Amino acid sequence: MKGHSWIVEARLGTVLIVDDEALDQKMYKRVIERSGLAANVLTFNYPDEALAYLGEAGRDAVDVLLIDVNMPRMSGYEFLSRAKVELGQQFAELTVAILTTVQDPLEEGRAREMPKVDHVLCKPLTIEDLQLIASTRSAGLG
């Protein structure tokens, strides 16, 4: 339909961002807030800190994880492997999106082979990316 805009009704709940670049985190948080799709945004600079948070008893629920691939101390790939083992079912319930600066089919293939990767997104994060995540999450696809 001409002039018809597609609006995602689904909400993302709490989005957790793991990225060692403060500027990227700030930009993602702004995009998420402007989208109106998330109720809450949490940020971590390092994957090991995010993993510790996700393992805490009694913490607030996290619905979506946005994680950079290349970070110090632990890569996004290492995080995903450890999270699958350490978090079990609660990790399986997350929608996971890998954020990468590389537009390489081999890198995308590697990311898709990792445990529980629902989306591979090229930086910068956009509102359209969030709409895709929200629509697939509400459809039960990730």
N, C-alpha and C. Protein backbone atom coordinates (compact mmCIF):
# COMPACT_ATOMS: atom_id res chain seq x y z
N MET A 1 0.82 -1.18 0.00
CA MET A 1 0.00 0.00 0.00
C MET A 1 0.87 1.24 0.00
N LYS A 2 0.57 2.18 -0.87
CA LYS A 2 1.31 3.42 -0.91
C LYS A 2 1.01 4.26 0.32
N GLY A 3 2.07 4.84 0.87
CA GLY A 3 1.89 5.73 2.01
C GLY A 3 1.61 5.03 3.32
N HIS A 4 1.52 3.70 3.30
CA HIS A 4 1.24 2.96 4.53
C HIS A 4 2.56 2.66 5.23
N SER A 5 2.65 3.02 6.49
CA SER A 5 3.87 2.69 7.24
C SER A 5 3.60 1.50 8.14
N TRP A 6 4.57 0.61 8.15
CA TRP A 6 4.46 -0.59 8.96
C TRP A 6 4.95 -0.27 10.36
N ILE A 7 4.12 -0.50 11.36
CA ILE A 7 4.47 -0.19 12.74
C ILE A 7 4.52 -1.47 13.54
N VAL A 8 5.60 -1.65 14.26
CA VAL A 8 5.75 -2.82 15.11
C VAL A 8 5.11 -2.52 16.46
N GLU A 9 4.16 -3.34 16.83
CA GLU A 9 3.47 -3.16 18.11
C GLU A 9 4.25 -3.83 19.25
N ALA A 10 5.05 -4.82 18.90
CA ALA A 10 5.75 -5.61 19.91
C ALA A 10 6.75 -4.75 20.68
N ARG A 11 6.90 -5.06 21.94
CA ARG A 11 7.89 -4.40 22.77
C ARG A 11 9.02 -5.37 23.04
N LEU A 12 10.17 -4.82 23.26
CA LEU A 12 11.35 -5.65 23.48
C LEU A 12 11.65 -5.88 24.95
N GLY A 13 10.93 -5.25 25.85
CA GLY A 13 11.22 -5.42 27.27
C GLY A 13 12.56 -4.78 27.59
N THR A 14 13.44 -5.53 28.26
CA THR A 14 14.76 -5.02 28.63
C THR A 14 15.79 -5.47 27.59
N VAL A 15 16.53 -4.49 27.09
CA VAL A 15 17.61 -4.74 26.13
C VAL A 15 18.93 -4.55 26.86
N LEU A 16 19.82 -5.53 26.73
CA LEU A 16 21.15 -5.46 27.33
C LEU A 16 22.16 -5.28 26.20
N ILE A 17 22.96 -4.23 26.28
CA ILE A 17 23.99 -3.93 25.28
C ILE A 17 25.36 -4.25 25.88
N VAL A 18 26.17 -5.00 25.13
CA VAL A 18 27.54 -5.27 25.54
C VAL A 18 28.45 -4.78 24.42
N ASP A 19 29.17 -3.69 24.70
CA ASP A 19 30.07 -3.09 23.71
C ASP A 19 31.10 -2.28 24.47
N ASP A 20 32.36 -2.44 24.14
CA ASP A 20 33.43 -1.74 24.85
C ASP A 20 33.59 -0.29 24.40
N GLU A 21 32.90 0.12 23.35
CA GLU A 21 32.97 1.49 22.86
C GLU A 21 31.85 2.34 23.48
N ALA A 22 32.22 3.28 24.33
CA ALA A 22 31.23 4.12 25.03
C ALA A 22 30.38 4.92 24.04
N LEU A 23 30.97 5.40 22.97
CA LEU A 23 30.23 6.18 21.98
C LEU A 23 29.17 5.31 21.30
N ASP A 24 29.55 4.07 20.95
CA ASP A 24 28.58 3.14 20.34
C ASP A 24 27.43 2.86 21.31
N GLN A 25 27.76 2.61 22.57
CA GLN A 25 26.72 2.36 23.57
C GLN A 25 25.75 3.52 23.66
N LYS A 26 26.28 4.73 23.70
CA LYS A 26 25.44 5.92 23.81
C LYS A 26 24.52 6.04 22.59
N MET A 27 25.09 5.77 21.40
CA MET A 27 24.30 5.85 20.17
C MET A 27 23.21 4.78 20.17
N TYR A 28 23.54 3.54 20.54
CA TYR A 28 22.55 2.46 20.58
C TYR A 28 21.43 2.78 21.55
N LYS A 29 21.82 3.27 22.72
CA LYS A 29 20.82 3.60 23.73
C LYS A 29 19.87 4.67 23.21
N ARG A 30 20.40 5.67 22.51
CA ARG A 30 19.57 6.73 21.95
C ARG A 30 18.61 6.16 20.89
N VAL A 31 19.12 5.30 20.01
CA VAL A 31 18.28 4.68 18.98
C VAL A 31 17.17 3.86 19.62
N ILE A 32 17.53 3.08 20.64
CA ILE A 32 16.53 2.24 21.32
C ILE A 32 15.47 3.10 21.99
N GLU A 33 15.89 4.14 22.69
CA GLU A 33 14.93 5.01 23.36
C GLU A 33 14.02 5.71 22.35
N ARG A 34 14.58 6.18 21.25
CA ARG A 34 13.77 6.86 20.22
C ARG A 34 12.79 5.91 19.55
N SER A 35 13.15 4.63 19.48
CA SER A 35 12.27 3.66 18.83
C SER A 35 10.99 3.43 19.63
N GLY A 36 11.07 3.61 20.95
CA GLY A 36 9.93 3.35 21.82
C GLY A 36 9.61 1.87 21.96
N LEU A 37 10.52 1.00 21.52
CA LEU A 37 10.25 -0.44 21.53
C LEU A 37 10.72 -1.14 22.81
N ALA A 38 11.58 -0.50 23.58
CA ALA A 38 12.12 -1.16 24.77
C ALA A 38 11.69 -0.43 26.03
N ALA A 39 11.45 -1.21 27.07
CA ALA A 39 11.06 -0.64 28.35
C ALA A 39 12.29 -0.18 29.14
N ASN A 40 13.43 -0.83 28.92
CA ASN A 40 14.62 -0.57 29.72
C ASN A 40 15.86 -0.94 28.90
N VAL A 41 16.96 -0.21 29.14
CA VAL A 41 18.22 -0.50 28.47
C VAL A 41 19.32 -0.60 29.53
N LEU A 42 20.07 -1.69 29.49
CA LEU A 42 21.22 -1.89 30.36
C LEU A 42 22.47 -1.94 29.49
N THR A 43 23.58 -1.39 29.98
CA THR A 43 24.81 -1.41 29.20
C THR A 43 25.96 -1.96 30.02
N PHE A 44 26.83 -2.69 29.32
CA PHE A 44 28.06 -3.21 29.92
C PHE A 44 29.19 -3.00 28.94
N ASN A 45 30.37 -2.63 29.47
CA ASN A 45 31.56 -2.43 28.63
C ASN A 45 32.24 -3.74 28.29
N TYR A 46 32.12 -4.73 29.16
CA TYR A 46 32.85 -5.97 28.98
C TYR A 46 31.93 -7.18 29.10
N PRO A 47 32.15 -8.17 28.25
CA PRO A 47 31.30 -9.36 28.26
C PRO A 47 31.31 -10.12 29.58
N ASP A 48 32.47 -10.20 30.25
CA ASP A 48 32.52 -10.95 31.50
C ASP A 48 31.62 -10.30 32.56
N GLU A 49 31.52 -8.97 32.55
CA GLU A 49 30.64 -8.28 33.49
C GLU A 49 29.17 -8.55 33.17
N ALA A 50 28.84 -8.58 31.89
CA ALA A 50 27.46 -8.88 31.47
C ALA A 50 27.11 -10.31 31.82
N LEU A 51 28.04 -11.23 31.64
CA LEU A 51 27.80 -12.63 31.97
C LEU A 51 27.56 -12.79 33.47
N ALA A 52 28.34 -12.10 34.27
CA ALA A 52 28.14 -12.15 35.73
C ALA A 52 26.76 -11.60 36.09
N TYR A 53 26.36 -10.50 35.47
CA TYR A 53 25.04 -9.93 35.73
C TYR A 53 23.93 -10.92 35.35
N LEU A 54 24.04 -11.51 34.18
CA LEU A 54 23.01 -12.45 33.73
C LEU A 54 22.91 -13.67 34.64
N GLY A 55 24.00 -14.00 35.32
CA GLY A 55 24.00 -15.14 36.23
C GLY A 55 23.50 -14.82 37.63
N GLU A 56 23.24 -13.55 37.92
CA GLU A 56 22.77 -13.15 39.26
C GLU A 56 21.35 -13.63 39.51
N ALA A 57 21.13 -14.15 40.69
CA ALA A 57 19.79 -14.56 41.10
C ALA A 57 18.97 -13.31 41.41
N GLY A 58 17.70 -13.32 41.04
CA GLY A 58 16.80 -12.24 41.37
C GLY A 58 16.95 -10.97 40.55
N ARG A 59 17.76 -11.00 39.52
CA ARG A 59 17.91 -9.81 38.67
C ARG A 59 16.66 -9.64 37.81
N ASP A 60 16.49 -8.44 37.27
CA ASP A 60 15.38 -8.19 36.35
C ASP A 60 15.57 -9.02 35.09
N ALA A 61 14.47 -9.39 34.47
CA ALA A 61 14.52 -10.17 33.24
C ALA A 61 15.16 -9.37 32.11
N VAL A 62 15.92 -10.04 31.27
CA VAL A 62 16.49 -9.45 30.07
C VAL A 62 15.89 -10.20 28.89
N ASP A 63 15.42 -9.45 27.89
CA ASP A 63 14.75 -10.06 26.75
C ASP A 63 15.62 -10.10 25.50
N VAL A 64 16.43 -9.07 25.31
CA VAL A 64 17.24 -8.96 24.10
C VAL A 64 18.68 -8.62 24.48
N LEU A 65 19.62 -9.30 23.85
CA LEU A 65 21.04 -9.06 24.04
C LEU A 65 21.62 -8.57 22.72
N LEU A 66 22.23 -7.38 22.75
CA LEU A 66 22.97 -6.84 21.61
C LEU A 66 24.43 -6.88 21.99
N ILE A 67 25.25 -7.65 21.26
CA ILE A 67 26.65 -7.82 21.66
C ILE A 67 27.60 -7.61 20.49
N ASP A 68 28.64 -6.82 20.77
CA ASP A 68 29.70 -6.59 19.80
C ASP A 68 30.54 -7.86 19.70
N VAL A 69 31.17 -8.07 18.56
CA VAL A 69 31.99 -9.25 18.37
C VAL A 69 33.39 -9.05 18.93
N ASN A 70 34.02 -7.94 18.60
CA ASN A 70 35.43 -7.70 18.96
C ASN A 70 35.54 -6.81 20.18
N MET A 71 35.90 -7.45 21.31
CA MET A 71 36.06 -6.71 22.56
C MET A 71 37.24 -7.28 23.33
N PRO A 72 37.84 -6.45 24.22
CA PRO A 72 38.93 -6.96 25.06
C PRO A 72 38.39 -7.88 26.16
N ARG A 73 39.27 -8.64 26.73
CA ARG A 73 39.00 -9.57 27.84
C ARG A 73 38.23 -10.80 27.41
N MET A 74 37.23 -10.66 26.55
CA MET A 74 36.44 -11.79 26.07
C MET A 74 35.72 -11.34 24.80
N SER A 75 35.83 -12.10 23.74
CA SER A 75 35.13 -11.73 22.51
C SER A 75 33.64 -12.04 22.64
N GLY A 76 32.86 -11.49 21.75
CA GLY A 76 31.43 -11.80 21.72
C GLY A 76 31.20 -13.29 21.51
N TYR A 77 32.04 -13.92 20.71
CA TYR A 77 31.92 -15.35 20.47
C TYR A 77 32.20 -16.17 21.73
N GLU A 78 33.24 -15.78 22.46
CA GLU A 78 33.54 -16.46 23.73
C GLU A 78 32.38 -16.29 24.71
N PHE A 79 31.83 -15.08 24.76
CA PHE A 79 30.69 -14.81 25.62
C PHE A 79 29.54 -15.77 25.30
N LEU A 80 29.21 -15.90 24.03
CA LEU A 80 28.08 -16.75 23.64
C LEU A 80 28.30 -18.20 24.03
N SER A 81 29.52 -18.69 23.83
CA SER A 81 29.82 -20.07 24.20
C SER A 81 29.70 -20.28 25.71
N ARG A 82 30.24 -19.35 26.47
CA ARG A 82 30.17 -19.47 27.94
C ARG A 82 28.74 -19.29 28.44
N ALA A 83 28.00 -18.35 27.86
CA ALA A 83 26.63 -18.09 28.30
C ALA A 83 25.76 -19.31 28.09
N LYS A 84 25.94 -20.01 26.99
CA LYS A 84 25.14 -21.21 26.73
C LYS A 84 25.34 -22.23 27.84
N VAL A 85 26.58 -22.42 28.27
CA VAL A 85 26.90 -23.39 29.31
C VAL A 85 26.49 -22.90 30.70
N GLU A 86 26.85 -21.65 31.02
CA GLU A 86 26.66 -21.14 32.37
C GLU A 86 25.22 -20.72 32.68
N LEU A 87 24.47 -20.28 31.66
CA LEU A 87 23.14 -19.75 31.91
C LEU A 87 22.02 -20.69 31.50
N GLY A 88 22.31 -21.67 30.67
CA GLY A 88 21.32 -22.68 30.29
C GLY A 88 20.05 -22.11 29.72
N GLN A 89 18.92 -22.47 30.32
CA GLN A 89 17.61 -22.12 29.79
C GLN A 89 17.36 -20.62 29.73
N GLN A 90 17.85 -19.87 30.73
CA GLN A 90 17.62 -18.43 30.69
C GLN A 90 18.34 -17.79 29.50
N PHE A 91 19.47 -18.35 29.07
CA PHE A 91 20.14 -17.85 27.87
C PHE A 91 19.35 -18.24 26.63
N ALA A 92 18.79 -19.43 26.62
CA ALA A 92 18.00 -19.90 25.47
C ALA A 92 16.78 -19.02 25.22
N GLU A 93 16.28 -18.36 26.26
CA GLU A 93 15.09 -17.53 26.13
C GLU A 93 15.39 -16.12 25.61
N LEU A 94 16.66 -15.73 25.58
CA LEU A 94 17.05 -14.41 25.09
C LEU A 94 16.99 -14.35 23.57
N THR A 95 16.71 -13.18 23.04
CA THR A 95 16.91 -12.91 21.63
C THR A 95 18.29 -12.28 21.53
N VAL A 96 19.16 -12.87 20.72
CA VAL A 96 20.55 -12.43 20.65
C VAL A 96 20.85 -11.86 19.26
N ALA A 97 21.42 -10.66 19.27
CA ALA A 97 21.87 -10.02 18.03
C ALA A 97 23.35 -9.68 18.15
N ILE A 98 24.12 -10.17 17.21
CA ILE A 98 25.54 -9.84 17.11
C ILE A 98 25.66 -8.53 16.34
N LEU A 99 26.49 -7.62 16.86
CA LEU A 99 26.77 -6.36 16.19
C LEU A 99 28.19 -6.41 15.66
N THR A 100 28.36 -6.12 14.39
CA THR A 100 29.69 -6.19 13.80
C THR A 100 29.91 -5.03 12.84
N THR A 101 31.16 -4.62 12.69
CA THR A 101 31.50 -3.59 11.72
C THR A 101 31.90 -4.22 10.39
N VAL A 102 32.06 -5.53 10.39
CA VAL A 102 32.55 -6.25 9.21
C VAL A 102 31.37 -6.73 8.37
N GLN A 103 31.38 -6.38 7.10
CA GLN A 103 30.37 -6.89 6.18
C GLN A 103 31.03 -7.99 5.35
N ASP A 104 31.27 -9.12 6.02
CA ASP A 104 31.97 -10.23 5.42
C ASP A 104 31.10 -11.48 5.54
N PRO A 105 30.79 -12.14 4.42
CA PRO A 105 29.95 -13.34 4.47
C PRO A 105 30.53 -14.43 5.38
N LEU A 106 31.86 -14.55 5.45
CA LEU A 106 32.47 -15.55 6.33
C LEU A 106 32.23 -15.21 7.79
N GLU A 107 32.36 -13.93 8.12
CA GLU A 107 32.10 -13.48 9.51
C GLU A 107 30.64 -13.69 9.87
N GLU A 108 29.75 -13.37 8.95
CA GLU A 108 28.32 -13.57 9.21
C GLU A 108 28.01 -15.05 9.39
N GLY A 109 28.63 -15.89 8.57
CA GLY A 109 28.44 -17.34 8.71
C GLY A 109 28.93 -17.84 10.05
N ARG A 110 30.09 -17.36 10.48
CA ARG A 110 30.63 -17.75 11.79
C ARG A 110 29.67 -17.33 12.90
N ALA A 111 29.17 -16.10 12.81
CA ALA A 111 28.25 -15.60 13.83
C ALA A 111 26.98 -16.45 13.89
N ARG A 112 26.46 -16.81 12.74
CA ARG A 112 25.22 -17.60 12.70
C ARG A 112 25.41 -19.03 13.22
N GLU A 113 26.65 -19.51 13.22
CA GLU A 113 26.93 -20.85 13.75
C GLU A 113 27.06 -20.86 15.27
N MET A 114 27.17 -19.70 15.87
CA MET A 114 27.33 -19.60 17.31
C MET A 114 26.02 -19.95 18.01
N PRO A 115 26.13 -20.40 19.27
CA PRO A 115 24.92 -20.73 20.01
C PRO A 115 23.99 -19.54 20.13
N LYS A 116 22.76 -19.74 19.72
CA LYS A 116 21.67 -18.80 20.00
C LYS A 116 21.82 -17.43 19.34
N VAL A 117 22.36 -17.32 18.16
CA VAL A 117 22.41 -16.04 17.46
C VAL A 117 21.18 -15.94 16.57
N ASP A 118 20.32 -14.98 16.87
CA ASP A 118 19.09 -14.79 16.11
C ASP A 118 19.26 -13.78 14.98
N HIS A 119 20.16 -12.81 15.17
CA HIS A 119 20.36 -11.76 14.18
C HIS A 119 21.84 -11.40 14.11
N VAL A 120 22.33 -11.11 12.91
CA VAL A 120 23.66 -10.56 12.72
C VAL A 120 23.45 -9.19 12.08
N LEU A 121 23.83 -8.14 12.80
CA LEU A 121 23.56 -6.77 12.36
C LEU A 121 24.86 -6.01 12.15
N CYS A 122 24.93 -5.25 11.08
CA CYS A 122 26.07 -4.39 10.84
C CYS A 122 25.87 -3.07 11.55
N LYS A 123 26.92 -2.61 12.20
CA LYS A 123 26.87 -1.31 12.87
C LYS A 123 26.73 -0.23 11.83
N PRO A 124 26.06 0.84 12.11
CA PRO A 124 25.41 1.19 13.38
C PRO A 124 24.01 0.58 13.48
N LEU A 125 23.56 0.39 14.69
CA LEU A 125 22.22 -0.11 14.97
C LEU A 125 21.19 0.91 14.51
N THR A 126 20.13 0.44 13.88
CA THR A 126 19.08 1.35 13.39
C THR A 126 17.73 0.98 14.00
N ILE A 127 16.79 1.88 13.88
CA ILE A 127 15.43 1.60 14.33
C ILE A 127 14.86 0.43 13.54
N GLU A 128 15.20 0.34 12.27
CA GLU A 128 14.73 -0.79 11.45
C GLU A 128 15.26 -2.11 11.98
N ASP A 129 16.50 -2.13 12.46
CA ASP A 129 17.05 -3.34 13.09
C ASP A 129 16.21 -3.73 14.31
N LEU A 130 15.87 -2.75 15.12
CA LEU A 130 15.07 -3.01 16.32
C LEU A 130 13.67 -3.49 15.95
N GLN A 131 13.10 -2.93 14.90
CA GLN A 131 11.78 -3.37 14.44
C GLN A 131 11.84 -4.83 13.99
N LEU A 132 12.92 -5.20 13.30
CA LEU A 132 13.10 -6.59 12.88
C LEU A 132 13.19 -7.51 14.09
N ILE A 133 13.98 -7.12 15.08
CA ILE A 133 14.12 -7.93 16.30
C ILE A 133 12.78 -8.06 17.00
N ALA A 134 12.05 -6.96 17.13
CA ALA A 134 10.75 -6.97 17.80
C ALA A 134 9.75 -7.85 17.05
N SER A 135 9.74 -7.76 15.73
CA SER A 135 8.77 -8.54 14.96
C SER A 135 9.07 -10.03 15.01
N THR A 136 10.35 -10.40 14.93
CA THR A 136 10.69 -11.84 15.00
C THR A 136 10.50 -12.36 16.42
N ARG A 137 10.76 -11.51 17.41
CA ARG A 137 10.55 -11.93 18.81
C ARG A 137 9.06 -12.17 19.08
N SER A 138 8.21 -11.26 18.60
CA SER A 138 6.77 -11.41 18.85
C SER A 138 6.20 -12.59 18.06
N ALA A 139 6.85 -12.95 16.96
CA ALA A 139 6.40 -14.09 16.17
C ALA A 139 6.97 -15.40 16.70
N GLY A 140 7.82 -15.29 17.76
CA GLY A 140 8.42 -16.48 18.34
C GLY A 140 9.57 -17.04 17.53
N LEU A 141 10.16 -16.21 16.68
CA LEU A 141 11.25 -16.66 15.82
C LEU A 141 12.62 -16.27 16.35
N GLY A 142 12.69 -15.63 17.50
CA GLY A 142 14.01 -15.25 18.00
C GLY A 142 14.00 -14.01 18.76
